[in-house]
Amino acid sequence: MITLRLNPELEQTINNTAKIMGLTKSELIRQSINEYISKLEQPNAWETGKDLFGKYSSSLGNLSENRKDLIKDKLKAKVKRQ
């Protein structure tokens, strides 16, 4: 068993929400804690996609530093082809 002190506003919000959902306060709090913990256990965006990042790499290590020059070169090459 856990005893918990809440500020009056939060306690009222819990009371109102539990009543609207047709749950006891204890059940609402249990469900909320379970959902919170399950979200913590989910992998973040990096973990989910780490095997895909860089998979289609251009092999250019300076894309962020020289982006303007690279875009200009691409546009010039495109104009020459037309």
N, C-alpha and C. Protein backbone atom coordinates (compact mmCIF):
# COMPACT_ATOMS: atom_id res chain seq x y z
N MET A 1 0.84 -1.18 0.00
CA MET A 1 0.00 0.00 0.00
C MET A 1 0.88 1.24 0.00
N ILE A 2 0.45 2.24 -0.73
CA ILE A 2 1.19 3.49 -0.82
C ILE A 2 0.28 4.62 -0.34
N THR A 3 0.85 5.48 0.47
CA THR A 3 0.13 6.68 0.88
C THR A 3 0.73 7.84 0.11
N LEU A 4 -0.12 8.72 -0.36
CA LEU A 4 0.33 9.78 -1.25
C LEU A 4 -0.33 11.08 -0.85
N ARG A 5 0.45 12.14 -0.79
CA ARG A 5 -0.11 13.46 -0.52
C ARG A 5 -0.17 14.25 -1.83
N LEU A 6 -1.33 14.79 -2.10
CA LEU A 6 -1.54 15.57 -3.31
C LEU A 6 -2.01 16.96 -2.94
N ASN A 7 -1.71 17.92 -3.84
CA ASN A 7 -2.25 19.24 -3.58
C ASN A 7 -3.75 19.19 -3.87
N PRO A 8 -4.52 20.09 -3.27
CA PRO A 8 -5.99 20.03 -3.40
C PRO A 8 -6.49 20.09 -4.84
N GLU A 9 -5.82 20.85 -5.69
CA GLU A 9 -6.26 20.97 -7.08
C GLU A 9 -6.13 19.63 -7.82
N LEU A 10 -4.99 18.97 -7.63
CA LEU A 10 -4.77 17.68 -8.28
C LEU A 10 -5.74 16.63 -7.75
N GLU A 11 -5.96 16.65 -6.46
CA GLU A 11 -6.90 15.70 -5.87
C GLU A 11 -8.31 15.90 -6.43
N GLN A 12 -8.72 17.14 -6.60
CA GLN A 12 -10.03 17.43 -7.17
C GLN A 12 -10.10 16.98 -8.63
N THR A 13 -9.03 17.20 -9.37
CA THR A 13 -8.98 16.75 -10.76
C THR A 13 -9.11 15.24 -10.84
N ILE A 14 -8.43 14.53 -9.95
CA ILE A 14 -8.53 13.07 -9.91
C ILE A 14 -9.95 12.64 -9.56
N ASN A 15 -10.53 13.29 -8.58
CA ASN A 15 -11.92 12.97 -8.21
C ASN A 15 -12.86 13.15 -9.40
N ASN A 16 -12.75 14.29 -10.06
CA ASN A 16 -13.64 14.60 -11.18
C ASN A 16 -13.43 13.62 -12.34
N THR A 17 -12.17 13.36 -12.66
CA THR A 17 -11.86 12.46 -13.78
C THR A 17 -12.35 11.05 -13.50
N ALA A 18 -12.11 10.57 -12.29
CA ALA A 18 -12.57 9.23 -11.92
C ALA A 18 -14.09 9.12 -12.02
N LYS A 19 -14.77 10.15 -11.56
CA LYS A 19 -16.23 10.15 -11.62
C LYS A 19 -16.72 10.12 -13.07
N ILE A 20 -16.11 10.95 -13.92
CA ILE A 20 -16.50 10.99 -15.34
C ILE A 20 -16.25 9.64 -16.01
N MET A 21 -15.14 9.00 -15.68
CA MET A 21 -14.77 7.73 -16.31
C MET A 21 -15.46 6.53 -15.67
N GLY A 22 -16.14 6.76 -14.55
CA GLY A 22 -16.81 5.66 -13.87
C GLY A 22 -15.85 4.72 -13.17
N LEU A 23 -14.74 5.26 -12.68
CA LEU A 23 -13.72 4.48 -12.00
C LEU A 23 -13.58 4.96 -10.57
N THR A 24 -12.98 4.11 -9.75
CA THR A 24 -12.60 4.59 -8.43
C THR A 24 -11.31 5.40 -8.60
N LYS A 25 -11.03 6.22 -7.61
CA LYS A 25 -9.79 7.00 -7.67
C LYS A 25 -8.58 6.07 -7.72
N SER A 26 -8.64 5.00 -6.96
CA SER A 26 -7.51 4.04 -6.94
C SER A 26 -7.30 3.42 -8.30
N GLU A 27 -8.40 3.03 -8.96
CA GLU A 27 -8.26 2.40 -10.29
C GLU A 27 -7.72 3.40 -11.30
N LEU A 28 -8.19 4.64 -11.26
CA LEU A 28 -7.68 5.68 -12.17
C LEU A 28 -6.18 5.87 -11.96
N ILE A 29 -5.76 5.93 -10.73
CA ILE A 29 -4.34 6.14 -10.42
C ILE A 29 -3.52 4.92 -10.85
N ARG A 30 -4.03 3.69 -10.62
CA ARG A 30 -3.33 2.48 -11.07
C ARG A 30 -3.15 2.49 -12.58
N GLN A 31 -4.24 2.78 -13.30
CA GLN A 31 -4.17 2.81 -14.76
C GLN A 31 -3.18 3.87 -15.24
N SER A 32 -3.22 5.02 -14.60
CA SER A 32 -2.32 6.11 -14.99
C SER A 32 -0.86 5.74 -14.78
N ILE A 33 -0.56 5.12 -13.67
CA ILE A 33 0.82 4.71 -13.38
C ILE A 33 1.27 3.64 -14.36
N ASN A 34 0.41 2.67 -14.63
CA ASN A 34 0.76 1.62 -15.60
C ASN A 34 1.04 2.20 -16.98
N GLU A 35 0.21 3.12 -17.42
CA GLU A 35 0.42 3.73 -18.74
C GLU A 35 1.72 4.53 -18.76
N TYR A 36 1.98 5.28 -17.72
CA TYR A 36 3.21 6.07 -17.63
C TYR A 36 4.44 5.17 -17.72
N ILE A 37 4.43 4.08 -16.96
CA ILE A 37 5.57 3.16 -16.95
C ILE A 37 5.74 2.49 -18.31
N SER A 38 4.64 2.12 -18.96
CA SER A 38 4.76 1.47 -20.27
C SER A 38 5.34 2.43 -21.30
N LYS A 39 5.04 3.71 -21.18
CA LYS A 39 5.62 4.70 -22.10
C LYS A 39 7.12 4.88 -21.84
N LEU A 40 7.54 4.77 -20.60
CA LEU A 40 8.97 4.86 -20.28
C LEU A 40 9.74 3.70 -20.88
N GLU A 41 9.10 2.53 -20.96
CA GLU A 41 9.78 1.34 -21.46
C GLU A 41 9.86 1.30 -22.98
N GLN A 42 9.10 2.14 -23.67
CA GLN A 42 9.13 2.15 -25.12
C GLN A 42 10.43 2.81 -25.60
N PRO A 43 10.99 2.28 -26.67
CA PRO A 43 12.23 2.88 -27.17
C PRO A 43 11.98 4.28 -27.73
N ASN A 44 12.96 5.14 -27.60
CA ASN A 44 12.83 6.49 -28.14
C ASN A 44 13.06 6.45 -29.65
N ALA A 45 12.93 7.59 -30.30
CA ALA A 45 13.05 7.66 -31.75
C ALA A 45 14.42 7.18 -32.23
N TRP A 46 15.47 7.51 -31.51
CA TRP A 46 16.81 7.09 -31.92
C TRP A 46 16.93 5.58 -31.87
N GLU A 47 16.49 4.97 -30.79
CA GLU A 47 16.57 3.52 -30.66
C GLU A 47 15.77 2.82 -31.75
N THR A 48 14.61 3.37 -32.08
CA THR A 48 13.76 2.76 -33.09
C THR A 48 14.40 2.77 -34.47
N GLY A 49 15.05 3.88 -34.82
CA GLY A 49 15.56 4.00 -36.18
C GLY A 49 17.06 3.94 -36.34
N LYS A 50 17.78 3.60 -35.29
CA LYS A 50 19.25 3.68 -35.37
C LYS A 50 19.84 2.81 -36.46
N ASP A 51 19.19 1.69 -36.81
CA ASP A 51 19.73 0.85 -37.87
C ASP A 51 19.45 1.43 -39.26
N LEU A 52 18.60 2.44 -39.34
CA LEU A 52 18.29 3.07 -40.62
C LEU A 52 19.06 4.36 -40.85
N PHE A 53 19.47 5.02 -39.79
CA PHE A 53 20.17 6.30 -39.93
C PHE A 53 21.51 6.10 -40.62
N GLY A 54 21.72 6.82 -41.70
CA GLY A 54 22.96 6.72 -42.44
C GLY A 54 23.00 5.55 -43.41
N LYS A 55 21.91 4.82 -43.50
CA LYS A 55 21.88 3.65 -44.37
C LYS A 55 22.08 4.04 -45.83
N TYR A 56 21.54 5.17 -46.22
CA TYR A 56 21.66 5.63 -47.60
C TYR A 56 22.59 6.84 -47.64
N SER A 57 23.69 6.72 -47.01
CA SER A 57 24.65 7.81 -46.86
C SER A 57 25.23 8.24 -48.19
N SER A 58 25.49 9.53 -48.29
CA SER A 58 26.11 10.06 -49.50
C SER A 58 27.63 9.93 -49.44
N SER A 59 28.13 9.52 -48.31
CA SER A 59 29.55 9.40 -48.02
C SER A 59 30.25 10.76 -47.97
N LEU A 60 29.45 11.83 -47.97
CA LEU A 60 30.02 13.18 -47.79
C LEU A 60 29.88 13.57 -46.34
N GLY A 61 30.97 13.82 -45.68
CA GLY A 61 30.93 14.15 -44.27
C GLY A 61 30.71 15.63 -43.99
N ASN A 62 30.60 16.43 -45.04
CA ASN A 62 30.53 17.87 -44.84
C ASN A 62 29.19 18.47 -45.29
N LEU A 63 28.14 17.68 -45.30
CA LEU A 63 26.86 18.16 -45.82
C LEU A 63 26.32 19.37 -45.06
N SER A 64 26.43 19.37 -43.76
CA SER A 64 25.89 20.49 -43.01
C SER A 64 26.77 21.74 -43.12
N GLU A 65 28.06 21.55 -43.25
CA GLU A 65 28.97 22.69 -43.33
C GLU A 65 28.94 23.36 -44.71
N ASN A 66 28.86 22.57 -45.76
CA ASN A 66 28.95 23.09 -47.12
C ASN A 66 27.64 22.98 -47.89
N ARG A 67 26.53 22.99 -47.18
CA ARG A 67 25.24 22.75 -47.84
C ARG A 67 24.94 23.75 -48.95
N LYS A 68 25.27 25.02 -48.73
CA LYS A 68 24.99 26.05 -49.75
C LYS A 68 25.79 25.81 -51.02
N ASP A 69 27.06 25.51 -50.86
CA ASP A 69 27.91 25.24 -52.02
C ASP A 69 27.45 23.99 -52.75
N LEU A 70 27.07 22.96 -52.00
CA LEU A 70 26.62 21.72 -52.62
C LEU A 70 25.33 21.93 -53.41
N ILE A 71 24.42 22.73 -52.86
CA ILE A 71 23.16 23.03 -53.57
C ILE A 71 23.44 23.82 -54.84
N LYS A 72 24.33 24.80 -54.74
CA LYS A 72 24.68 25.59 -55.93
C LYS A 72 25.25 24.70 -57.02
N ASP A 73 26.14 23.78 -56.63
CA ASP A 73 26.74 22.86 -57.60
C ASP A 73 25.67 21.98 -58.25
N LYS A 74 24.75 21.49 -57.46
CA LYS A 74 23.67 20.65 -58.00
C LYS A 74 22.81 21.44 -58.98
N LEU A 75 22.48 22.68 -58.63
CA LEU A 75 21.65 23.51 -59.51
C LEU A 75 22.38 23.83 -60.81
N LYS A 76 23.67 24.14 -60.71
CA LYS A 76 24.46 24.43 -61.92
C LYS A 76 24.50 23.21 -62.83
N ALA A 77 24.70 22.05 -62.26
CA ALA A 77 24.73 20.83 -63.05
C ALA A 77 23.39 20.56 -63.71
N LYS A 78 22.32 20.85 -63.02
CA LYS A 78 20.99 20.65 -63.58
C LYS A 78 20.73 21.59 -64.74
N VAL A 79 21.16 22.84 -64.59
CA VAL A 79 20.98 23.83 -65.65
C VAL A 79 21.78 23.44 -66.89
N LYS A 80 22.99 22.92 -66.69
CA LYS A 80 23.83 22.51 -67.81
C LYS A 80 23.19 21.36 -68.60
N ARG A 81 22.49 20.47 -67.90
CA ARG A 81 21.85 19.33 -68.57
C ARG A 81 20.66 19.75 -69.41
N GLN A 82 20.07 20.88 -69.10
CA GLN A 82 18.86 21.30 -69.81
C GLN A 82 19.19 21.96 -71.10
